[in-house]
Amino acid sequence: MKLAIMQPYLFPYVGYFQLAAAVDKFVFYDDVAFIKNGWINRNRILLGGHAHYLTVPLAGASSSRRIDEVQIQPRERWQPKLRELLRHAYAKAPHYVAVTELVEGILSLETDSIARLAAHGITETCRYIGIAPAFVATSTQYRNDSLKGQARVLDICAREQARTYVNLPGGRALYDRASFAAADIDLAFVEPELRPYPQYGAPFVPGLSILDLLMFNRVDAVRAMLLAGVAA
């Protein structure tokens, strides 16, 4: 069984979903410290030919709190602005209607938790695209937050009887292959496949939210791109 562990991000970029497509089970690492100015409550979309932040505003966010403890502001304060931002950015995109319906369904979740909203966005987007790993969250599943870093990852892998732990390239600096081998676990990495695609005929802006990819591409083409990530 192949397993991945990542913090829940808001509508993350294609590499995050290539990681999800490469595994059997995906663990949301939501009971670790919140990262300010990270990707947990924001991502980037295309607006006027440039990258522009799409953000869900938070109430009392702090790096001293866990991700699953951070709350979002009341939705009436930000959802209309978010909808208008997406309309302004993508109303002429070929798949605007379908992707807007996806986003509306995600935002309809009754929660004040950014961890739950971000995770829900990822699971629903995976379902929309047609990739289906099992999803769990560390805050509800393992009760092992006394462990840190690699030791906790190895413990989760052991509990799930994972034979392969898959990560994005940044994990190379975090994990020791020998320690995983000693636990009889293969350590693999997905190399994100970030192919350019048409964006209104303007110069390509890379690294944007999955929403941008979906706005301009058919679902079957997106699914093929996700499956192109190579774990090695």
C-alpha atoms as a PDB file:
ATOM      1  CA  MET A   1       0.000   0.000   0.000  1.00  0.00           C
ATOM      2  CA  LYS A   2       1.271   3.457  -0.946  1.00  0.00           C
ATOM      3  CA  LEU A   3       0.702   6.327   1.473  1.00  0.00           C
ATOM      4  CA  ALA A   4       1.225  10.109   1.455  1.00  0.00           C
ATOM      5  CA  ILE A   5       1.012  12.662   4.266  1.00  0.00           C
ATOM      6  CA  MET A   6       0.515  16.405   3.648  1.00  0.00           C
ATOM      7  CA  GLN A   7      -1.002  19.431   5.342  1.00  0.00           C
ATOM      8  CA  PRO A   8      -4.405  20.364   3.876  1.00  0.00           C
ATOM      9  CA  TYR A   9      -3.987  23.265   1.443  1.00  0.00           C
ATOM     10  CA  LEU A  10      -6.626  25.461  -0.171  1.00  0.00           C
ATOM     11  CA  PHE A  11      -7.124  24.416  -3.810  1.00  0.00           C
ATOM     12  CA  PRO A  12      -3.430  23.454  -4.175  1.00  0.00           C
ATOM     13  CA  TYR A  13      -1.358  23.252  -7.337  1.00  0.00           C
ATOM     14  CA  VAL A  14      -1.225  20.266  -9.685  1.00  0.00           C
ATOM     15  CA  GLY A  15       1.752  18.617  -7.928  1.00  0.00           C
ATOM     16  CA  TYR A  16      -0.341  18.093  -4.786  1.00  0.00           C
ATOM     17  CA  PHE A  17      -2.930  16.209  -6.817  1.00  0.00           C
ATOM     18  CA  GLN A  18      -0.256  14.223  -8.644  1.00  0.00           C
ATOM     19  CA  LEU A  19       0.828  13.054  -5.196  1.00  0.00           C
ATOM     20  CA  ALA A  20      -2.763  12.081  -4.351  1.00  0.00           C
ATOM     21  CA  ALA A  21      -3.044  10.197  -7.649  1.00  0.00           C
ATOM     22  CA  ALA A  22       0.104   8.206  -6.838  1.00  0.00           C
ATOM     23  CA  VAL A  23      -1.113   6.673  -3.555  1.00  0.00           C
ATOM     24  CA  ASP A  24      -3.768   4.394  -2.089  1.00  0.00           C
ATOM     25  CA  LYS A  25      -4.248   6.427   1.104  1.00  0.00           C
ATOM     26  CA  PHE A  26      -3.740  10.153   1.658  1.00  0.00           C
ATOM     27  CA  VAL A  27      -3.331  11.485   5.202  1.00  0.00           C
ATOM     28  CA  PHE A  28      -4.128  15.125   5.984  1.00  0.00           C
ATOM     29  CA  TYR A  29      -1.495  16.301   8.478  1.00  0.00           C
ATOM     30  CA  ASP A  30      -3.847  18.735  10.194  1.00  0.00           C
ATOM     31  CA  ASP A  31      -2.778  18.651  13.855  1.00  0.00           C
ATOM     32  CA  VAL A  32       0.610  20.320  13.352  1.00  0.00           C
ATOM     33  CA  ALA A  33       1.477  24.017  13.663  1.00  0.00           C
ATOM     34  CA  PHE A  34      -0.332  26.419  11.366  1.00  0.00           C
ATOM     35  CA  ILE A  35       1.964  28.046   8.783  1.00  0.00           C
ATOM     36  CA  LYS A  36       1.340  31.776   8.377  1.00  0.00           C
ATOM     37  CA  ASN A  37       1.630  33.102   4.820  1.00  0.00           C
ATOM     38  CA  GLY A  38       1.619  29.532   3.536  1.00  0.00           C
ATOM     39  CA  TRP A  39      -0.893  27.640   1.411  1.00  0.00           C
ATOM     40  CA  ILE A  40      -3.381  26.477   4.032  1.00  0.00           C
ATOM     41  CA  ASN A  41      -5.914  29.263   3.443  1.00  0.00           C
ATOM     42  CA  ARG A  42      -4.838  30.685   0.090  1.00  0.00           C
ATOM     43  CA  ASN A  43      -3.614  29.904  -3.396  1.00  0.00           C
ATOM     44  CA  ARG A  44      -2.995  31.682  -6.664  1.00  0.00           C
ATOM     45  CA  ILE A  45      -5.218  32.075  -9.702  1.00  0.00           C
ATOM     46  CA  LEU A  46      -4.785  33.843 -13.036  1.00  0.00           C
ATOM     47  CA  LEU A  47      -6.069  37.420 -13.152  1.00  0.00           C
ATOM     48  CA  GLY A  48      -5.211  39.802 -15.956  1.00  0.00           C
ATOM     49  CA  GLY A  49      -2.340  37.624 -17.115  1.00  0.00           C
ATOM     50  CA  HIS A  50      -0.673  37.487 -13.695  1.00  0.00           C
ATOM     51  CA  ALA A  51      -0.793  35.340 -10.560  1.00  0.00           C
ATOM     52  CA  HIS A  52      -3.240  36.699  -7.976  1.00  0.00           C
ATOM     53  CA  TYR A  53      -4.018  35.364  -4.505  1.00  0.00           C
ATOM     54  CA  LEU A  54      -7.380  33.782  -3.733  1.00  0.00           C
ATOM     55  CA  THR A  55      -7.739  33.773   0.057  1.00  0.00           C
ATOM     56  CA  VAL A  56     -10.120  32.519   2.726  1.00  0.00           C
ATOM     57  CA  PRO A  57      -9.627  34.979   5.639  1.00  0.00           C
ATOM     58  CA  LEU A  58      -9.007  33.530   9.072  1.00  0.00           C
ATOM     59  CA  ALA A  59      -9.893  34.507  12.626  1.00  0.00           C
ATOM     60  CA  GLY A  60      -6.982  34.610  15.056  1.00  0.00           C
ATOM     61  CA  ALA A  61      -4.554  32.528  13.007  1.00  0.00           C
ATOM     62  CA  SER A  62      -1.221  31.951  14.727  1.00  0.00           C
ATOM     63  CA  SER A  63       1.757  29.645  14.296  1.00  0.00           C
ATOM     64  CA  SER A  64       1.277  28.705  17.953  1.00  0.00           C
ATOM     65  CA  ARG A  65      -2.022  27.001  17.048  1.00  0.00           C
ATOM     66  CA  ARG A  66      -2.587  23.749  15.229  1.00  0.00           C
ATOM     67  CA  ILE A  67      -4.078  23.825  11.753  1.00  0.00           C
ATOM     68  CA  ASP A  68      -7.230  22.093  12.979  1.00  0.00           C
ATOM     69  CA  GLU A  69      -7.666  24.775  15.661  1.00  0.00           C
ATOM     70  CA  VAL A  70      -7.692  27.708  13.230  1.00  0.00           C
ATOM     71  CA  GLN A  71     -11.105  29.075  12.266  1.00  0.00           C
ATOM     72  CA  ILE A  72     -12.285  30.908   9.175  1.00  0.00           C
ATOM     73  CA  GLN A  73     -14.121  34.215   9.314  1.00  0.00           C
ATOM     74  CA  PRO A  74     -17.913  34.190   8.855  1.00  0.00           C
ATOM     75  CA  ARG A  75     -18.607  33.239   5.256  1.00  0.00           C
ATOM     76  CA  GLU A  76     -20.808  36.244   4.487  1.00  0.00           C
ATOM     77  CA  ARG A  77     -17.690  38.407   4.878  1.00  0.00           C
ATOM     78  CA  TRP A  78     -15.680  36.699   2.149  1.00  0.00           C
ATOM     79  CA  GLN A  79     -17.651  34.261  -0.011  1.00  0.00           C
ATOM     80  CA  PRO A  80     -19.295  36.937  -2.208  1.00  0.00           C
ATOM     81  CA  LYS A  81     -15.865  38.492  -2.869  1.00  0.00           C
ATOM     82  CA  LEU A  82     -14.356  35.095  -3.667  1.00  0.00           C
ATOM     83  CA  ARG A  83     -17.153  34.301  -6.109  1.00  0.00           C
ATOM     84  CA  GLU A  84     -16.749  37.671  -7.798  1.00  0.00           C
ATOM     85  CA  LEU A  85     -12.978  37.197  -8.027  1.00  0.00           C
ATOM     86  CA  LEU A  86     -13.416  33.850  -9.768  1.00  0.00           C
ATOM     87  CA  ARG A  87     -16.028  35.319 -12.099  1.00  0.00           C
ATOM     88  CA  HIS A  88     -13.791  38.240 -12.988  1.00  0.00           C
ATOM     89  CA  ALA A  89     -10.804  35.939 -13.563  1.00  0.00           C
ATOM     90  CA  TYR A  90     -12.417  33.057 -15.421  1.00  0.00           C
ATOM     91  CA  ALA A  91     -15.870  33.930 -16.795  1.00  0.00           C
ATOM     92  CA  LYS A  92     -14.571  33.436 -20.339  1.00  0.00           C
ATOM     93  CA  ALA A  93     -12.678  30.206 -19.578  1.00  0.00           C
ATOM     94  CA  PRO A  94     -14.080  27.135 -21.390  1.00  0.00           C
ATOM     95  CA  HIS A  95     -14.944  25.193 -18.226  1.00  0.00           C
ATOM     96  CA  TYR A  96     -15.989  28.076 -15.977  1.00  0.00           C
ATOM     97  CA  VAL A  97     -19.527  26.848 -15.322  1.00  0.00           C
ATOM     98  CA  ALA A  98     -18.556  23.312 -14.286  1.00  0.00           C
ATOM     99  CA  VAL A  99     -15.649  24.423 -12.100  1.00  0.00           C
ATOM    100  CA  THR A 100     -17.744  27.133 -10.466  1.00  0.00           C
ATOM    101  CA  GLU A 101     -20.322  24.488  -9.551  1.00  0.00           C
ATOM    102  CA  LEU A 102     -17.513  22.403  -8.015  1.00  0.00           C
ATOM    103  CA  VAL A 103     -16.307  25.369  -5.957  1.00  0.00           C
ATOM    104  CA  GLU A 104     -19.837  26.242  -4.820  1.00  0.00           C
ATOM    105  CA  GLY A 105     -20.346  22.687  -3.619  1.00  0.00           C
ATOM    106  CA  ILE A 106     -17.100  22.828  -1.664  1.00  0.00           C
ATOM    107  CA  LEU A 107     -17.910  26.182  -0.082  1.00  0.00           C
ATOM    108  CA  SER A 108     -21.339  24.931   0.990  1.00  0.00           C
ATOM    109  CA  LEU A 109     -19.695  22.772   3.668  1.00  0.00           C
ATOM    110  CA  GLU A 110     -20.974  23.888   7.072  1.00  0.00           C
ATOM    111  CA  THR A 111     -17.742  24.404   8.995  1.00  0.00           C
ATOM    112  CA  ASP A 112     -15.688  27.141  10.630  1.00  0.00           C
ATOM    113  CA  SER A 113     -12.471  25.087  10.371  1.00  0.00           C
ATOM    114  CA  ILE A 114      -9.920  25.914   7.676  1.00  0.00           C
ATOM    115  CA  ALA A 115      -8.521  22.381   8.014  1.00  0.00           C
ATOM    116  CA  ARG A 116     -11.895  20.834   7.233  1.00  0.00           C
ATOM    117  CA  LEU A 117     -12.670  23.271   4.418  1.00  0.00           C
ATOM    118  CA  ALA A 118      -9.289  22.798   2.727  1.00  0.00           C
ATOM    119  CA  ALA A 119      -9.423  19.006   3.092  1.00  0.00           C
ATOM    120  CA  HIS A 120     -12.986  18.949   1.761  1.00  0.00           C
ATOM    121  CA  GLY A 121     -11.865  20.969  -1.229  1.00  0.00           C
ATOM    122  CA  ILE A 122      -9.138  18.446  -1.995  1.00  0.00           C
ATOM    123  CA  THR A 123     -11.328  15.370  -1.601  1.00  0.00           C
ATOM    124  CA  GLU A 124     -14.134  16.839  -3.722  1.00  0.00           C
ATOM    125  CA  THR A 125     -11.712  17.978  -6.407  1.00  0.00           C
ATOM    126  CA  CYS A 126     -10.180  14.497  -6.538  1.00  0.00           C
ATOM    127  CA  ARG A 127     -13.662  13.030  -6.921  1.00  0.00           C
ATOM    128  CA  TYR A 128     -14.452  15.512  -9.700  1.00  0.00           C
ATOM    129  CA  ILE A 129     -11.270  14.590 -11.573  1.00  0.00           C
ATOM    130  CA  GLY A 130     -11.687  10.862 -11.013  1.00  0.00           C
ATOM    131  CA  ILE A 131      -8.869   9.890  -8.663  1.00  0.00           C
ATOM    132  CA  ALA A 132      -9.848   8.109  -5.489  1.00  0.00           C
ATOM    133  CA  PRO A 133      -7.328   7.538  -2.712  1.00  0.00           C
ATOM    134  CA  ALA A 134      -8.777   6.960   0.744  1.00  0.00           C
ATOM    135  CA  PHE A 135      -8.536  10.114   2.888  1.00  0.00           C
ATOM    136  CA  VAL A 136      -7.991  10.356   6.649  1.00  0.00           C
ATOM    137  CA  ALA A 137      -6.797  13.117   9.005  1.00  0.00           C
ATOM    138  CA  THR A 138      -4.148  12.807  11.693  1.00  0.00           C
ATOM    139  CA  SER A 139      -6.315  14.786  14.127  1.00  0.00           C
ATOM    140  CA  THR A 140      -8.965  12.052  14.169  1.00  0.00           C
ATOM    141  CA  GLN A 141      -7.095   8.881  13.325  1.00  0.00           C
ATOM    142  CA  TYR A 142      -3.779   8.255  15.084  1.00  0.00           C
ATOM    143  CA  ARG A 143      -3.448  10.151  18.389  1.00  0.00           C
ATOM    144  CA  ASN A 144       0.340  10.087  18.076  1.00  0.00           C
ATOM    145  CA  ASP A 145       1.131  13.798  18.112  1.00  0.00           C
ATOM    146  CA  SER A 146       3.701  13.230  20.863  1.00  0.00           C
ATOM    147  CA  LEU A 147       5.906  11.982  18.021  1.00  0.00           C
ATOM    148  CA  LYS A 148       7.510  14.504  15.688  1.00  0.00           C
ATOM    149  CA  GLY A 149       8.815  14.647  12.142  1.00  0.00           C
ATOM    150  CA  GLN A 150      10.115  11.450  10.601  1.00  0.00           C
ATOM    151  CA  ALA A 151       9.327   9.369  13.701  1.00  0.00           C
ATOM    152  CA  ARG A 152       5.650  10.243  13.403  1.00  0.00           C
ATOM    153  CA  VAL A 153       5.588   9.535   9.670  1.00  0.00           C
ATOM    154  CA  LEU A 154       7.141   6.117  10.260  1.00  0.00           C
ATOM    155  CA  ASP A 155       4.593   5.396  12.997  1.00  0.00           C
ATOM    156  CA  ILE A 156       1.693   6.272  10.687  1.00  0.00           C
ATOM    157  CA  CYS A 157       3.165   4.117   7.918  1.00  0.00           C
ATOM    158  CA  ALA A 158       3.486   1.205  10.347  1.00  0.00           C
ATOM    159  CA  ARG A 159      -0.097   1.572  11.585  1.00  0.00           C
ATOM    160  CA  GLU A 160      -1.396   1.658   8.017  1.00  0.00           C
ATOM    161  CA  GLN A 161       0.890  -1.213   6.965  1.00  0.00           C
ATOM    162  CA  ALA A 162       2.188   0.985   4.157  1.00  0.00           C
ATOM    163  CA  ARG A 163       4.939  -0.525   2.051  1.00  0.00           C
ATOM    164  CA  THR A 164       5.749   2.760   0.271  1.00  0.00           C
ATOM    165  CA  TYR A 165       5.753   6.323   1.575  1.00  0.00           C
ATOM    166  CA  VAL A 166       5.397   8.821  -1.275  1.00  0.00           C
ATOM    167  CA  ASN A 167       6.302  12.499  -0.988  1.00  0.00           C
ATOM    168  CA  LEU A 168       6.871  15.596  -3.081  1.00  0.00           C
ATOM    169  CA  PRO A 169      10.501  16.551  -3.870  1.00  0.00           C
ATOM    170  CA  GLY A 170      10.792  18.853  -0.845  1.00  0.00           C
ATOM    171  CA  GLY A 171      10.659  15.756   1.356  1.00  0.00           C
ATOM    172  CA  ARG A 172      14.138  14.727   0.244  1.00  0.00           C
ATOM    173  CA  ALA A 173      15.570  17.149   2.797  1.00  0.00           C
ATOM    174  CA  LEU A 174      13.305  15.828   5.569  1.00  0.00           C
ATOM    175  CA  TYR A 175      13.543  12.047   5.403  1.00  0.00           C
ATOM    176  CA  ASP A 176      16.343   9.519   5.714  1.00  0.00           C
ATOM    177  CA  ARG A 177      16.028   6.655   3.238  1.00  0.00           C
ATOM    178  CA  ALA A 178      17.987   4.298   5.529  1.00  0.00           C
ATOM    179  CA  SER A 179      15.500   4.787   8.380  1.00  0.00           C
ATOM    180  CA  PHE A 180      12.608   3.877   6.088  1.00  0.00           C
ATOM    181  CA  ALA A 181      14.502   0.869   4.730  1.00  0.00           C
ATOM    182  CA  ALA A 182      15.110  -0.307   8.299  1.00  0.00           C
ATOM    183  CA  ALA A 183      11.325  -0.267   8.776  1.00  0.00           C
ATOM    184  CA  ASP A 184      10.871  -2.162   5.476  1.00  0.00           C
ATOM    185  CA  ILE A 185       9.242   0.866   3.856  1.00  0.00           C
ATOM    186  CA  ASP A 186      10.221   2.211   0.451  1.00  0.00           C
ATOM    187  CA  LEU A 187      10.688   5.988   0.249  1.00  0.00           C
ATOM    188  CA  ALA A 188       9.525   7.409  -3.097  1.00  0.00           C
ATOM    189  CA  PHE A 189       9.058  10.879  -4.546  1.00  0.00           C
ATOM    190  CA  VAL A 190       6.649  12.228  -7.132  1.00  0.00           C
ATOM    191  CA  GLU A 191       8.319  14.526  -9.638  1.00  0.00           C
ATOM    192  CA  PRO A 192       5.526  16.961 -10.564  1.00  0.00           C
ATOM    193  CA  GLU A 193       4.737  17.128 -14.265  1.00  0.00           C
ATOM    194  CA  LEU A 194       3.899  20.788 -14.848  1.00  0.00           C
ATOM    195  CA  ARG A 195       3.008  20.989 -18.528  1.00  0.00           C
ATOM    196  CA  PRO A 196       2.088  24.388 -19.981  1.00  0.00           C
ATOM    197  CA  TYR A 197      -1.500  24.732 -21.213  1.00  0.00           C
ATOM    198  CA  PRO A 198      -3.393  27.548 -22.965  1.00  0.00           C
ATOM    199  CA  GLN A 199      -4.511  30.397 -20.687  1.00  0.00           C
ATOM    200  CA  TYR A 200      -6.484  32.837 -22.862  1.00  0.00           C
ATOM    201  CA  GLY A 201      -3.651  32.699 -25.418  1.00  0.00           C
ATOM    202  CA  ALA A 202      -1.347  34.764 -23.166  1.00  0.00           C
ATOM    203  CA  PRO A 203       2.137  33.721 -21.941  1.00  0.00           C
ATOM    204  CA  PHE A 204       1.777  30.742 -19.601  1.00  0.00           C
ATOM    205  CA  VAL A 205       1.813  31.435 -15.851  1.00  0.00           C
ATOM    206  CA  PRO A 206       2.922  28.235 -14.042  1.00  0.00           C
ATOM    207  CA  GLY A 207       2.304  26.940 -10.536  1.00  0.00           C
ATOM    208  CA  LEU A 208      -1.251  28.180 -10.070  1.00  0.00           C
ATOM    209  CA  SER A 209      -4.116  26.510  -8.208  1.00  0.00           C
ATOM    210  CA  ILE A 210      -5.716  23.347  -9.579  1.00  0.00           C
ATOM    211  CA  LEU A 211      -8.716  25.595 -10.295  1.00  0.00           C
ATOM    212  CA  ASP A 212      -6.791  27.295 -13.085  1.00  0.00           C
ATOM    213  CA  LEU A 213      -5.897  23.955 -14.674  1.00  0.00           C
ATOM    214  CA  LEU A 214      -9.533  22.834 -14.497  1.00  0.00           C
ATOM    215  CA  MET A 215     -10.862  26.094 -15.934  1.00  0.00           C
ATOM    216  CA  PHE A 216      -8.886  25.616 -19.162  1.00  0.00           C
ATOM    217  CA  ASN A 217      -8.781  21.817 -19.616  1.00  0.00           C
ATOM    218  CA  ARG A 218     -11.176  18.891 -19.937  1.00  0.00           C
ATOM    219  CA  VAL A 219     -11.370  16.612 -16.917  1.00  0.00           C
ATOM    220  CA  ASP A 220      -9.916  13.638 -18.805  1.00  0.00           C
ATOM    221  CA  ALA A 221      -6.894  15.728 -19.832  1.00  0.00           C
ATOM    222  CA  VAL A 222      -6.379  16.850 -16.231  1.00  0.00           C
ATOM    223  CA  ARG A 223      -6.606  13.272 -14.998  1.00  0.00           C
ATOM    224  CA  ALA A 224      -3.973  12.200 -17.535  1.00  0.00           C
ATOM    225  CA  MET A 225      -1.701  15.011 -16.344  1.00  0.00           C
ATOM    226  CA  LEU A 226      -2.070  13.903 -12.725  1.00  0.00           C
ATOM    227  CA  LEU A 227      -1.204  10.332 -13.594  1.00  0.00           C
ATOM    228  CA  ALA A 228       1.946  11.549 -15.378  1.00  0.00           C
ATOM    229  CA  GLY A 229       3.678  12.274 -12.063  1.00  0.00           C
ATOM    230  CA  VAL A 230       6.404   9.682 -11.589  1.00  0.00           C
ATOM    231  CA  ALA A 231       7.186   8.216  -8.158  1.00  0.00           C
ATOM    232  CA  ALA A 232      10.842   7.188  -7.894  1.00  0.00           C
END
